Amino acid sequence: MCLMLHGPRSRYNLDDIYTVEDDVNSLRDSLHEKTIREINDHQSSYLVGTLYMDIICEMERLCDSVVNIAEARYSRKKSKSYS
């Protein structure tokens, strides 16, 4: 991210950033499902699962913040058709 902020704009492609964001969102969703299964199967406690998912959600929010910064740097927003 530091390189993106200080380097020339032509070196970076926001589509790569959006791909990483989608990967992070997919990982968050799969970890959420796995955590729910572990709680239901009594492999993990509710408290531990909740704390774990809070950490995962905060990491995903950090990723969203990086995307927002990149969009501001490039004066471009993610199109609504992109998912």
PDB file of N, CA and C in Angstrom:
ATOM      1  N   MET A   1       0.817  -1.177   0.000  1.00  0.00           N
ATOM      2  CA  MET A   1       0.000   0.000   0.000  1.00  0.00           C
ATOM      3  C   MET A   1       0.867   1.248   0.000  1.00  0.00           C
ATOM      4  N   CYS A   2       1.960   1.235   0.751  1.00  0.00           N
ATOM      5  CA  CYS A   2       2.847   2.406   0.784  1.00  0.00           C
ATOM      6  C   CYS A   2       3.389   2.712  -0.603  1.00  0.00           C
ATOM      7  N   LEU A   3       3.760   1.669  -1.334  1.00  0.00           N
ATOM      8  CA  LEU A   3       4.259   1.888  -2.689  1.00  0.00           C
ATOM      9  C   LEU A   3       3.182   2.489  -3.582  1.00  0.00           C
ATOM     10  N   MET A   4       1.958   2.031  -3.401  1.00  0.00           N
ATOM     11  CA  MET A   4       0.864   2.540  -4.208  1.00  0.00           C
ATOM     12  C   MET A   4       0.618   4.024  -3.936  1.00  0.00           C
ATOM     13  N   LEU A   5       0.764   4.426  -2.681  1.00  0.00           N
ATOM     14  CA  LEU A   5       0.498   5.822  -2.326  1.00  0.00           C
ATOM     15  C   LEU A   5       1.590   6.755  -2.831  1.00  0.00           C
ATOM     16  N   HIS A   6       2.826   6.269  -2.878  1.00  0.00           N
ATOM     17  CA  HIS A   6       3.932   7.145  -3.233  1.00  0.00           C
ATOM     18  C   HIS A   6       4.431   6.949  -4.659  1.00  0.00           C
ATOM     19  N   GLY A   7       4.071   5.834  -5.284  1.00  0.00           N
ATOM     20  CA  GLY A   7       4.548   5.543  -6.630  1.00  0.00           C
ATOM     21  C   GLY A   7       3.654   6.170  -7.687  1.00  0.00           C
ATOM     22  N   PRO A   8       4.078   6.065  -8.937  1.00  0.00           N
ATOM     23  CA  PRO A   8       3.258   6.600 -10.027  1.00  0.00           C
ATOM     24  C   PRO A   8       1.956   5.807 -10.166  1.00  0.00           C
ATOM     25  N   ARG A   9       0.897   6.507 -10.479  1.00  0.00           N
ATOM     26  CA  ARG A   9      -0.418   5.864 -10.577  1.00  0.00           C
ATOM     27  C   ARG A   9      -0.481   4.829 -11.689  1.00  0.00           C
ATOM     28  N   SER A  10       0.290   5.014 -12.716  1.00  0.00           N
ATOM     29  CA  SER A  10       0.223   4.113 -13.867  1.00  0.00           C
ATOM     30  C   SER A  10       0.743   2.709 -13.560  1.00  0.00           C
ATOM     31  N   ARG A  11       1.456   2.531 -12.454  1.00  0.00           N
ATOM     32  CA  ARG A  11       2.033   1.227 -12.124  1.00  0.00           C
ATOM     33  C   ARG A  11       1.031   0.249 -11.535  1.00  0.00           C
ATOM     34  N   TYR A  12      -0.101   0.731 -11.065  1.00  0.00           N
ATOM     35  CA  TYR A  12      -1.017  -0.130 -10.311  1.00  0.00           C
ATOM     36  C   TYR A  12      -2.393  -0.177 -10.956  1.00  0.00           C
ATOM     37  N   ASN A  13      -3.052  -1.295 -10.737  1.00  0.00           N
ATOM     38  CA  ASN A  13      -4.359  -1.534 -11.323  1.00  0.00           C
ATOM     39  C   ASN A  13      -5.349  -1.807 -10.190  1.00  0.00           C
ATOM     40  N   LEU A  14      -6.401  -1.034 -10.129  1.00  0.00           N
ATOM     41  CA  LEU A  14      -7.387  -1.230  -9.063  1.00  0.00           C
ATOM     42  C   LEU A  14      -8.111  -2.564  -9.172  1.00  0.00           C
ATOM     43  N   ASP A  15      -8.163  -3.122 -10.362  1.00  0.00           N
ATOM     44  CA  ASP A  15      -8.826  -4.422 -10.506  1.00  0.00           C
ATOM     45  C   ASP A  15      -8.129  -5.488  -9.659  1.00  0.00           C
ATOM     46  N   ASP A  16      -6.808  -5.392  -9.526  1.00  0.00           N
ATOM     47  CA  ASP A  16      -6.082  -6.335  -8.667  1.00  0.00           C
ATOM     48  C   ASP A  16      -6.500  -6.161  -7.213  1.00  0.00           C
ATOM     49  N   ILE A  17      -6.683  -4.917  -6.804  1.00  0.00           N
ATOM     50  CA  ILE A  17      -7.101  -4.637  -5.431  1.00  0.00           C
ATOM     51  C   ILE A  17      -8.505  -5.179  -5.192  1.00  0.00           C
ATOM     52  N   TYR A  18      -9.393  -5.012  -6.171  1.00  0.00           N
ATOM     53  CA  TYR A  18     -10.754  -5.532  -6.028  1.00  0.00           C
ATOM     54  C   TYR A  18     -10.765  -7.059  -5.961  1.00  0.00           C
ATOM     55  N   THR A  19      -9.859  -7.692  -6.694  1.00  0.00           N
ATOM     56  CA  THR A  19      -9.766  -9.150  -6.647  1.00  0.00           C
ATOM     57  C   THR A  19      -9.352  -9.609  -5.246  1.00  0.00           C
ATOM     58  N   VAL A  20      -8.367  -8.940  -4.671  1.00  0.00           N
ATOM     59  CA  VAL A  20      -7.924  -9.282  -3.319  1.00  0.00           C
ATOM     60  C   VAL A  20      -9.057  -9.034  -2.325  1.00  0.00           C
ATOM     61  N   GLU A  21      -9.790  -7.934  -2.500  1.00  0.00           N
ATOM     62  CA  GLU A  21     -10.913  -7.652  -1.608  1.00  0.00           C
ATOM     63  C   GLU A  21     -11.952  -8.769  -1.675  1.00  0.00           C
ATOM     64  N   ASP A  22     -12.265  -9.226  -2.881  1.00  0.00           N
ATOM     65  CA  ASP A  22     -13.228 -10.328  -3.031  1.00  0.00           C
ATOM     66  C   ASP A  22     -12.712 -11.610  -2.375  1.00  0.00           C
ATOM     67  N   ASP A  23     -11.405 -11.859  -2.509  1.00  0.00           N
ATOM     68  CA  ASP A  23     -10.815 -13.038  -1.868  1.00  0.00           C
ATOM     69  C   ASP A  23     -10.923 -12.946  -0.346  1.00  0.00           C
ATOM     70  N   VAL A  24     -10.652 -11.774   0.194  1.00  0.00           N
ATOM     71  CA  VAL A  24     -10.751 -11.567   1.644  1.00  0.00           C
ATOM     72  C   VAL A  24     -12.195 -11.760   2.103  1.00  0.00           C
ATOM     73  N   ASN A  25     -13.144 -11.229   1.338  1.00  0.00           N
ATOM     74  CA  ASN A  25     -14.558 -11.396   1.697  1.00  0.00           C
ATOM     75  C   ASN A  25     -14.971 -12.870   1.663  1.00  0.00           C
ATOM     76  N   SER A  26     -14.499 -13.600   0.667  1.00  0.00           N
ATOM     77  CA  SER A  26     -14.810 -15.037   0.580  1.00  0.00           C
ATOM     78  C   SER A  26     -14.191 -15.800   1.743  1.00  0.00           C
ATOM     79  N   LEU A  27     -12.960 -15.453   2.085  1.00  0.00           N
ATOM     80  CA  LEU A  27     -12.305 -16.095   3.216  1.00  0.00           C
ATOM     81  C   LEU A  27     -13.051 -15.812   4.512  1.00  0.00           C
ATOM     82  N   ARG A  28     -13.488 -14.565   4.691  1.00  0.00           N
ATOM     83  CA  ARG A  28     -14.261 -14.210   5.885  1.00  0.00           C
ATOM     84  C   ARG A  28     -15.524 -15.055   5.967  1.00  0.00           C
ATOM     85  N   ASP A  29     -16.220 -15.194   4.847  1.00  0.00           N
ATOM     86  CA  ASP A  29     -17.460 -15.973   4.833  1.00  0.00           C
ATOM     87  C   ASP A  29     -17.206 -17.448   5.157  1.00  0.00           C
ATOM     88  N   SER A  30     -16.150 -18.024   4.573  1.00  0.00           N
ATOM     89  CA  SER A  30     -15.877 -19.442   4.841  1.00  0.00           C
ATOM     90  C   SER A  30     -15.428 -19.652   6.286  1.00  0.00           C
ATOM     91  N   LEU A  31     -14.652 -18.725   6.843  1.00  0.00           N
ATOM     92  CA  LEU A  31     -14.246 -18.830   8.244  1.00  0.00           C
ATOM     93  C   LEU A  31     -15.445 -18.684   9.179  1.00  0.00           C
ATOM     94  N   HIS A  32     -16.377 -17.837   8.788  1.00  0.00           N
ATOM     95  CA  HIS A  32     -17.592 -17.669   9.587  1.00  0.00           C
ATOM     96  C   HIS A  32     -18.390 -18.970   9.624  1.00  0.00           C
ATOM     97  N   GLU A  33     -18.570 -19.584   8.464  1.00  0.00           N
ATOM     98  CA  GLU A  33     -19.309 -20.853   8.404  1.00  0.00           C
ATOM     99  C   GLU A  33     -18.593 -21.941   9.206  1.00  0.00           C
ATOM    100  N   LYS A  34     -17.267 -22.003   9.067  1.00  0.00           N
ATOM    101  CA  LYS A  34     -16.487 -23.007   9.802  1.00  0.00           C
ATOM    102  C   LYS A  34     -16.610 -22.791  11.310  1.00  0.00           C
ATOM    103  N   THR A  35     -16.556 -21.548  11.745  1.00  0.00           N
ATOM    104  CA  THR A  35     -16.665 -21.244  13.173  1.00  0.00           C
ATOM    105  C   THR A  35     -18.031 -21.637  13.715  1.00  0.00           C
ATOM    106  N   ILE A  36     -19.073 -21.349  12.963  1.00  0.00           N
ATOM    107  CA  ILE A  36     -20.433 -21.735  13.382  1.00  0.00           C
ATOM    108  C   ILE A  36     -20.538 -23.260  13.521  1.00  0.00           C
ATOM    109  N   ARG A  37     -19.987 -23.981  12.544  1.00  0.00           N
ATOM    110  CA  ARG A  37     -20.005 -25.455  12.622  1.00  0.00           C
ATOM    111  C   ARG A  37     -19.259 -25.950  13.862  1.00  0.00           C
ATOM    112  N   GLU A  38     -18.090 -25.361  14.130  1.00  0.00           N
ATOM    113  CA  GLU A  38     -17.309 -25.794  15.295  1.00  0.00           C
ATOM    114  C   GLU A  38     -18.044 -25.514  16.602  1.00  0.00           C
ATOM    115  N   ILE A  39     -18.737 -24.394  16.674  1.00  0.00           N
ATOM    116  CA  ILE A  39     -19.515 -24.082  17.880  1.00  0.00           C
ATOM    117  C   ILE A  39     -20.665 -25.072  18.021  1.00  0.00           C
ATOM    118  N   ASN A  40     -21.370 -25.328  16.921  1.00  0.00           N
ATOM    119  CA  ASN A  40     -22.490 -26.268  16.964  1.00  0.00           C
ATOM    120  C   ASN A  40     -22.050 -27.685  17.307  1.00  0.00           C
ATOM    121  N   ASP A  41     -20.832 -28.063  16.876  1.00  0.00           N
ATOM    122  CA  ASP A  41     -20.305 -29.403  17.155  1.00  0.00           C
ATOM    123  C   ASP A  41     -19.546 -29.460  18.486  1.00  0.00           C
ATOM    124  N   HIS A  42     -19.599 -28.380  19.239  1.00  0.00           N
ATOM    125  CA  HIS A  42     -18.930 -28.284  20.549  1.00  0.00           C
ATOM    126  C   HIS A  42     -17.413 -28.485  20.451  1.00  0.00           C
ATOM    127  N   GLN A  43     -16.835 -28.113  19.308  1.00  0.00           N
ATOM    128  CA  GLN A  43     -15.381 -28.150  19.157  1.00  0.00           C
ATOM    129  C   GLN A  43     -14.760 -26.830  19.612  1.00  0.00           C
ATOM    130  N   SER A  44     -15.597 -25.825  19.764  1.00  0.00           N
ATOM    131  CA  SER A  44     -15.141 -24.505  20.182  1.00  0.00           C
ATOM    132  C   SER A  44     -16.240 -23.883  21.029  1.00  0.00           C
ATOM    133  N   SER A  45     -15.837 -23.019  21.944  1.00  0.00           N
ATOM    134  CA  SER A  45     -16.850 -22.366  22.775  1.00  0.00           C
ATOM    135  C   SER A  45     -17.426 -21.157  22.037  1.00  0.00           C
ATOM    136  N   TYR A  46     -18.581 -20.749  22.463  1.00  0.00           N
ATOM    137  CA  TYR A  46     -19.227 -19.584  21.865  1.00  0.00           C
ATOM    138  C   TYR A  46     -18.352 -18.348  22.036  1.00  0.00           C
ATOM    139  N   LEU A  47     -17.760 -18.184  23.222  1.00  0.00           N
ATOM    140  CA  LEU A  47     -16.927 -17.012  23.492  1.00  0.00           C
ATOM    141  C   LEU A  47     -15.718 -16.955  22.563  1.00  0.00           C
ATOM    142  N   VAL A  48     -15.026 -18.074  22.430  1.00  0.00           N
ATOM    143  CA  VAL A  48     -13.850 -18.117  21.556  1.00  0.00           C
ATOM    144  C   VAL A  48     -14.252 -17.860  20.108  1.00  0.00           C
ATOM    145  N   GLY A  49     -15.336 -18.470  19.667  1.00  0.00           N
ATOM    146  CA  GLY A  49     -15.817 -18.268  18.303  1.00  0.00           C
ATOM    147  C   GLY A  49     -16.186 -16.821  18.032  1.00  0.00           C
ATOM    148  N   THR A  50     -16.818 -16.189  19.006  1.00  0.00           N
ATOM    149  CA  THR A  50     -17.205 -14.786  18.861  1.00  0.00           C
ATOM    150  C   THR A  50     -15.984 -13.881  18.779  1.00  0.00           C
ATOM    151  N   LEU A  51     -15.015 -14.121  19.643  1.00  0.00           N
ATOM    152  CA  LEU A  51     -13.794 -13.314  19.615  1.00  0.00           C
ATOM    153  C   LEU A  51     -13.033 -13.518  18.308  1.00  0.00           C
ATOM    154  N   TYR A  52     -12.946 -14.746  17.861  1.00  0.00           N
ATOM    155  CA  TYR A  52     -12.271 -15.065  16.600  1.00  0.00           C
ATOM    156  C   TYR A  52     -12.948 -14.339  15.445  1.00  0.00           C
ATOM    157  N   MET A  53     -14.264 -14.396  15.383  1.00  0.00           N
ATOM    158  CA  MET A  53     -14.977 -13.748  14.280  1.00  0.00           C
ATOM    159  C   MET A  53     -14.877 -12.224  14.366  1.00  0.00           C
ATOM    160  N   ASP A  54     -14.801 -11.678  15.567  1.00  0.00           N
ATOM    161  CA  ASP A  54     -14.581 -10.233  15.699  1.00  0.00           C
ATOM    162  C   ASP A  54     -13.246  -9.838  15.076  1.00  0.00           C
ATOM    163  N   ILE A  55     -12.213 -10.643  15.317  1.00  0.00           N
ATOM    164  CA  ILE A  55     -10.898 -10.359  14.744  1.00  0.00           C
ATOM    165  C   ILE A  55     -10.944 -10.456  13.222  1.00  0.00           C
ATOM    166  N   ILE A  56     -11.587 -11.496  12.718  1.00  0.00           N
ATOM    167  CA  ILE A  56     -11.699 -11.682  11.269  1.00  0.00           C
ATOM    168  C   ILE A  56     -12.457 -10.518  10.639  1.00  0.00           C
ATOM    169  N   CYS A  57     -13.547 -10.093  11.260  1.00  0.00           N
ATOM    170  CA  CYS A  57     -14.335  -8.979  10.720  1.00  0.00           C
ATOM    171  C   CYS A  57     -13.535  -7.670  10.735  1.00  0.00           C
ATOM    172  N   GLU A  58     -12.735  -7.463  11.763  1.00  0.00           N
ATOM    173  CA  GLU A  58     -11.893  -6.261  11.813  1.00  0.00           C
ATOM    174  C   GLU A  58     -10.840  -6.293  10.706  1.00  0.00           C
ATOM    175  N   MET A  59     -10.287  -7.465  10.424  1.00  0.00           N
ATOM    176  CA  MET A  59      -9.330  -7.583   9.332  1.00  0.00           C
ATOM    177  C   MET A  59      -9.999  -7.274   7.991  1.00  0.00           C
ATOM    178  N   GLU A  60     -11.220  -7.735   7.828  1.00  0.00           N
ATOM    179  CA  GLU A  60     -11.952  -7.463   6.584  1.00  0.00           C
ATOM    180  C   GLU A  60     -12.255  -5.970   6.465  1.00  0.00           C
ATOM    181  N   ARG A  61     -12.571  -5.321   7.576  1.00  0.00           N
ATOM    182  CA  ARG A  61     -12.803  -3.874   7.560  1.00  0.00           C
ATOM    183  C   ARG A  61     -11.533  -3.123   7.194  1.00  0.00           C
ATOM    184  N   LEU A  62     -10.392  -3.610   7.659  1.00  0.00           N
ATOM    185  CA  LEU A  62      -9.113  -3.014   7.298  1.00  0.00           C
ATOM    186  C   LEU A  62      -8.899  -3.107   5.790  1.00  0.00           C
ATOM    187  N   CYS A  63      -9.225  -4.255   5.227  1.00  0.00           N
ATOM    188  CA  CYS A  63      -9.128  -4.435   3.778  1.00  0.00           C
ATOM    189  C   CYS A  63     -10.032  -3.431   3.056  1.00  0.00           C
ATOM    190  N   ASP A  64     -11.247  -3.248   3.552  1.00  0.00           N
ATOM    191  CA  ASP A  64     -12.160  -2.271   2.958  1.00  0.00           C
ATOM    192  C   ASP A  64     -11.579  -0.864   3.018  1.00  0.00           C
ATOM    193  N   SER A  65     -10.902  -0.544   4.114  1.00  0.00           N
ATOM    194  CA  SER A  65     -10.285   0.775   4.252  1.00  0.00           C
ATOM    195  C   SER A  65      -9.165   0.963   3.232  1.00  0.00           C
ATOM    196  N   VAL A  66      -8.384  -0.077   3.009  1.00  0.00           N
ATOM    197  CA  VAL A  66      -7.320  -0.003   2.013  1.00  0.00           C
ATOM    198  C   VAL A  66      -7.916   0.233   0.626  1.00  0.00           C
ATOM    199  N   VAL A  67      -9.007  -0.446   0.329  1.00  0.00           N
ATOM    200  CA  VAL A  67      -9.682  -0.246  -0.961  1.00  0.00           C
ATOM    201  C   VAL A  67     -10.168   1.204  -1.078  1.00  0.00           C
ATOM    202  N   ASN A  68     -10.755   1.728  -0.007  1.00  0.00           N
ATOM    203  CA  ASN A  68     -11.221   3.114  -0.039  1.00  0.00           C
ATOM    204  C   ASN A  68     -10.078   4.088  -0.280  1.00  0.00           C
ATOM    205  N   ILE A  69      -8.937   3.833   0.336  1.00  0.00           N
ATOM    206  CA  ILE A  69      -7.772   4.694   0.138  1.00  0.00           C
ATOM    207  C   ILE A  69      -7.291   4.604  -1.309  1.00  0.00           C
ATOM    208  N   ALA A  70      -7.250   3.384  -1.840  1.00  0.00           N
ATOM    209  CA  ALA A  70      -6.825   3.197  -3.229  1.00  0.00           C
ATOM    210  C   ALA A  70      -7.774   3.908  -4.188  1.00  0.00           C
ATOM    211  N   GLU A  71      -9.068   3.792  -3.928  1.00  0.00           N
ATOM    212  CA  GLU A  71     -10.041   4.471  -4.786  1.00  0.00           C
ATOM    213  C   GLU A  71      -9.868   5.984  -4.732  1.00  0.00           C
ATOM    214  N   ALA A  72      -9.594   6.498  -3.554  1.00  0.00           N
ATOM    215  CA  ALA A  72      -9.374   7.942  -3.426  1.00  0.00           C
ATOM    216  C   ALA A  72      -8.105   8.358  -4.168  1.00  0.00           C
ATOM    217  N   ARG A  73      -7.068   7.548  -4.066  1.00  0.00           N
ATOM    218  CA  ARG A  73      -5.803   7.854  -4.751  1.00  0.00           C
ATOM    219  C   ARG A  73      -5.983   7.876  -6.257  1.00  0.00           C
ATOM    220  N   TYR A  74      -6.788   6.967  -6.773  1.00  0.00           N
ATOM    221  CA  TYR A  74      -6.992   6.858  -8.209  1.00  0.00           C
ATOM    222  C   TYR A  74      -8.255   7.564  -8.690  1.00  0.00           C
ATOM    223  N   SER A  75      -8.970   8.215  -7.776  1.00  0.00           N
ATOM    224  CA  SER A  75     -10.210   8.930  -8.113  1.00  0.00           C
ATOM    225  C   SER A  75     -11.163   8.033  -8.889  1.00  0.00           C
ATOM    226  N   ARG A  76     -11.341   6.824  -8.401  1.00  0.00           N
ATOM    227  CA  ARG A  76     -12.211   5.848  -9.068  1.00  0.00           C
ATOM    228  C   ARG A  76     -12.925   5.021  -8.024  1.00  0.00           C
ATOM    229  N   LYS A  77     -14.160   4.688  -8.286  1.00  0.00           N
ATOM    230  CA  LYS A  77     -14.949   3.832  -7.396  1.00  0.00           C
ATOM    231  C   LYS A  77     -15.227   2.508  -8.102  1.00  0.00           C
ATOM    232  N   LYS A  78     -15.451   1.485  -7.302  1.00  0.00           N
ATOM    233  CA  LYS A  78     -15.820   0.179  -7.823  1.00  0.00           C
ATOM    234  C   LYS A  78     -17.182   0.281  -8.484  1.00  0.00           C
ATOM    235  N   SER A  79     -17.292  -0.194  -9.706  1.00  0.00           N
ATOM    236  CA  SER A  79     -18.578  -0.144 -10.394  1.00  0.00           C
ATOM    237  C   SER A  79     -19.556  -1.099  -9.742  1.00  0.00           C
ATOM    238  N   LYS A  80     -20.819  -0.782  -9.801  1.00  0.00           N
ATOM    239  CA  LYS A  80     -21.835  -1.617  -9.138  1.00  0.00           C
ATOM    240  C   LYS A  80     -21.973  -2.970  -9.819  1.00  0.00           C
ATOM    241  N   SER A  81     -21.598  -3.066 -11.088  1.00  0.00           N
ATOM    242  CA  SER A  81     -21.734  -4.340 -11.793  1.00  0.00           C
ATOM    243  C   SER A  81     -20.632  -5.316 -11.403  1.00  0.00           C
ATOM    244  N   TYR A  82     -19.563  -4.812 -10.798  1.00  0.00           N
ATOM    245  CA  TYR A  82     -18.449  -5.669 -10.379  1.00  0.00           C
ATOM    246  C   TYR A  82     -18.788  -6.305  -9.040  1.00  0.00           C
ATOM    247  N   SER A  83     -18.627  -7.644  -8.915  1.00  0.00           N
ATOM    248  CA  SER A  83     -18.870  -8.292  -7.633  1.00  0.00           C
ATOM    249  C   SER A  83     -17.896  -9.383  -7.384  1.00  0.00           C
TER     250      SER A  83
END
